[in-house]
Structures are given as C-alpha cells and as structure tokens.
Amino acid sequence: MAIDGVLVPIVMFSMIPVVAIGVPIARAYARRLESRPVAAIPSDVSARLERIEQAVDAIAIEMERVSEGQRFTTKLLSERAGLPASSGGS
C-alpha cells in the first residue's frame, strides 16, 4: 500500500515533461496538416455534385407542395366534419 503513495508523484512528475514536449509537437503537426494544399476536385465530380444539388432542391420543392396539399386537405376535411381546423404546425 505504501507504493501507491509514491506512485502518484512519480507519474505526475514524469507526465509534466511529456506534456511540455508533446503539446508543441502536436501543434506543429496540426499546422503542417492545415498548410497542405487541398486537392482540386475533378470537373466531372464537380458537375455531378451540381446535378445532385439541383435534384435535392427539386425534391425539397415537391415535398413542400405535398405538405401544402396535405394541410389543405386536412383543413377541408375538418371543416366538412364541423370540427375546428388545426393551426397546421406553425
């Protein structure tokens, strides 16, 4: 049990130099990684990404139209049943 009382200060004093040396090395490595030039995206990949972006935008517009139709239908059905219409989520 006496070894536990000695082990803590030994570990603490051995970790101080490791941290003092390791932090600057880690920062230098991070700067080196950040300064590397970013590889250019090929034009065919860029064109594909543009088409995907346009397709996603079109899907979003269509989904908005579907949700507007659902809100309208729900409003009509609730009026037909004589129930008060819900606010619709906004």
C-alpha atoms as a PDB file:
ATOM      1  CA  MET A   1       0.000   0.000   0.000  1.00  0.00           C
ATOM      2  CA  ALA A   2       2.913   2.386   0.543  1.00  0.00           C
ATOM      3  CA  ILE A   3       3.794   2.044  -3.122  1.00  0.00           C
ATOM      4  CA  ASP A   4       0.515   3.753  -4.092  1.00  0.00           C
ATOM      5  CA  GLY A   5       1.533   6.908  -2.231  1.00  0.00           C
ATOM      6  CA  VAL A   6       4.855   7.039  -4.085  1.00  0.00           C
ATOM      7  CA  LEU A   7       3.467   6.131  -7.494  1.00  0.00           C
ATOM      8  CA  VAL A   8       1.233   9.185  -7.823  1.00  0.00           C
ATOM      9  CA  PRO A   9       4.013  11.817  -7.534  1.00  0.00           C
ATOM     10  CA  ILE A  10       6.282   9.809  -9.818  1.00  0.00           C
ATOM     11  CA  VAL A  11       3.613   9.618 -12.508  1.00  0.00           C
ATOM     12  CA  MET A  12       2.764  13.296 -12.083  1.00  0.00           C
ATOM     13  CA  PHE A  13       6.378  14.468 -12.395  1.00  0.00           C
ATOM     14  CA  SER A  14       7.010  12.189 -15.354  1.00  0.00           C
ATOM     15  CA  MET A  15       3.893  13.443 -17.174  1.00  0.00           C
ATOM     16  CA  ILE A  16       4.859  17.135 -16.920  1.00  0.00           C
ATOM     17  CA  PRO A  17       7.804  16.795 -19.376  1.00  0.00           C
ATOM     18  CA  VAL A  18       5.756  14.551 -21.664  1.00  0.00           C
ATOM     19  CA  VAL A  19       3.027  17.188 -21.881  1.00  0.00           C
ATOM     20  CA  ALA A  20       5.553  20.058 -22.168  1.00  0.00           C
ATOM     21  CA  ILE A  21       7.216  18.348 -25.139  1.00  0.00           C
ATOM     22  CA  GLY A  22       4.126  16.721 -26.649  1.00  0.00           C
ATOM     23  CA  VAL A  23       1.886  19.784 -26.941  1.00  0.00           C
ATOM     24  CA  PRO A  24       4.253  21.796 -29.185  1.00  0.00           C
ATOM     25  CA  ILE A  25       4.881  18.727 -31.334  1.00  0.00           C
ATOM     26  CA  ALA A  26       1.132  18.170 -31.715  1.00  0.00           C
ATOM     27  CA  ARG A  27       0.597  21.856 -32.623  1.00  0.00           C
ATOM     28  CA  ALA A  28       3.388  21.748 -35.220  1.00  0.00           C
ATOM     29  CA  TYR A  29       1.916  18.609 -36.757  1.00  0.00           C
ATOM     30  CA  ALA A  30      -1.554  20.205 -36.877  1.00  0.00           C
ATOM     31  CA  ARG A  31      -0.155  23.315 -38.588  1.00  0.00           C
ATOM     32  CA  ARG A  32       1.626  21.112 -41.098  1.00  0.00           C
ATOM     33  CA  LEU A  33      -1.608  19.290 -41.910  1.00  0.00           C
ATOM     34  CA  GLU A  34      -3.517  22.580 -42.273  1.00  0.00           C
ATOM     35  CA  SER A  35      -0.921  24.113 -44.584  1.00  0.00           C
ATOM     36  CA  ARG A  36      -1.086  21.282 -47.106  1.00  0.00           C
ATOM     37  CA  PRO A  37      -2.767  22.315 -50.339  1.00  0.00           C
ATOM     38  CA  VAL A  38      -6.233  20.905 -50.811  1.00  0.00           C
ATOM     39  CA  ALA A  39      -6.543  18.605 -53.809  1.00  0.00           C
ATOM     40  CA  ALA A  40      -8.662  20.062 -56.587  1.00  0.00           C
ATOM     41  CA  ILE A  41     -11.969  18.369 -57.237  1.00  0.00           C
ATOM     42  CA  PRO A  42     -12.138  16.926 -60.768  1.00  0.00           C
ATOM     43  CA  SER A  43     -14.573  18.683 -63.082  1.00  0.00           C
ATOM     44  CA  ASP A  44     -16.721  15.580 -63.629  1.00  0.00           C
ATOM     45  CA  VAL A  45     -17.180  15.157 -59.883  1.00  0.00           C
ATOM     46  CA  SER A  46     -17.999  18.840 -59.555  1.00  0.00           C
ATOM     47  CA  ALA A  47     -20.611  18.574 -62.312  1.00  0.00           C
ATOM     48  CA  ARG A  48     -22.121  15.516 -60.631  1.00  0.00           C
ATOM     49  CA  LEU A  49     -22.326  17.286 -57.300  1.00  0.00           C
ATOM     50  CA  GLU A  50     -24.043  20.229 -59.002  1.00  0.00           C
ATOM     51  CA  ARG A  51     -26.638  17.908 -60.527  1.00  0.00           C
ATOM     52  CA  ILE A  52     -27.210  16.206 -57.181  1.00  0.00           C
ATOM     53  CA  GLU A  53     -27.688  19.602 -55.539  1.00  0.00           C
ATOM     54  CA  GLN A  54     -30.267  20.590 -58.164  1.00  0.00           C
ATOM     55  CA  ALA A  55     -32.080  17.270 -57.732  1.00  0.00           C
ATOM     56  CA  VAL A  56     -32.226  17.687 -53.953  1.00  0.00           C
ATOM     57  CA  ASP A  57     -33.588  21.221 -54.376  1.00  0.00           C
ATOM     58  CA  ALA A  58     -36.274  19.938 -56.751  1.00  0.00           C
ATOM     59  CA  ILE A  59     -37.229  17.181 -54.304  1.00  0.00           C
ATOM     60  CA  ALA A  60     -37.466  19.728 -51.478  1.00  0.00           C
ATOM     61  CA  ILE A  61     -39.803  21.911 -53.548  1.00  0.00           C
ATOM     62  CA  GLU A  62     -42.006  18.921 -54.401  1.00  0.00           C
ATOM     63  CA  MET A  63     -42.150  17.829 -50.766  1.00  0.00           C
ATOM     64  CA  GLU A  64     -43.226  21.335 -49.786  1.00  0.00           C
ATOM     65  CA  ARG A  65     -46.020  21.120 -52.348  1.00  0.00           C
ATOM     66  CA  VAL A  66     -47.111  17.736 -50.963  1.00  0.00           C
ATOM     67  CA  SER A  67     -47.169  19.056 -47.400  1.00  0.00           C
ATOM     68  CA  GLU A  68     -49.152  22.124 -48.504  1.00  0.00           C
ATOM     69  CA  GLY A  69     -51.654  19.791 -50.186  1.00  0.00           C
ATOM     70  CA  GLN A  70     -51.937  17.734 -47.024  1.00  0.00           C
ATOM     71  CA  ARG A  71     -52.580  20.842 -44.947  1.00  0.00           C
ATOM     72  CA  PHE A  72     -55.252  21.977 -47.406  1.00  0.00           C
ATOM     73  CA  THR A  73     -56.920  18.554 -47.441  1.00  0.00           C
ATOM     74  CA  THR A  74     -56.867  18.366 -43.652  1.00  0.00           C
ATOM     75  CA  LYS A  75     -58.450  21.825 -43.453  1.00  0.00           C
ATOM     76  CA  LEU A  76     -61.216  20.840 -45.887  1.00  0.00           C
ATOM     77  CA  LEU A  77     -61.942  17.576 -44.073  1.00  0.00           C
ATOM     78  CA  SER A  78     -62.063  19.252 -40.682  1.00  0.00           C
ATOM     79  CA  GLU A  79     -64.428  21.951 -41.990  1.00  0.00           C
ATOM     80  CA  ARG A  80     -66.610  19.301 -43.588  1.00  0.00           C
ATOM     81  CA  ALA A  81     -66.807  17.378 -40.310  1.00  0.00           C
ATOM     82  CA  GLY A  82     -67.659  20.554 -38.403  1.00  0.00           C
ATOM     83  CA  LEU A  83     -64.523  20.399 -36.292  1.00  0.00           C
ATOM     84  CA  PRO A  84     -62.291  23.420 -35.796  1.00  0.00           C
ATOM     85  CA  ALA A  85     -59.255  23.375 -38.121  1.00  0.00           C
ATOM     86  CA  SER A  86     -55.858  22.840 -36.506  1.00  0.00           C
ATOM     87  CA  SER A  87     -53.180  25.516 -36.910  1.00  0.00           C
ATOM     88  CA  GLY A  88     -51.070  23.222 -39.124  1.00  0.00           C
ATOM     89  CA  GLY A  89     -47.747  23.132 -37.266  1.00  0.00           C
ATOM     90  CA  SER A  90     -46.640  26.762 -37.363  1.00  0.00           C
END
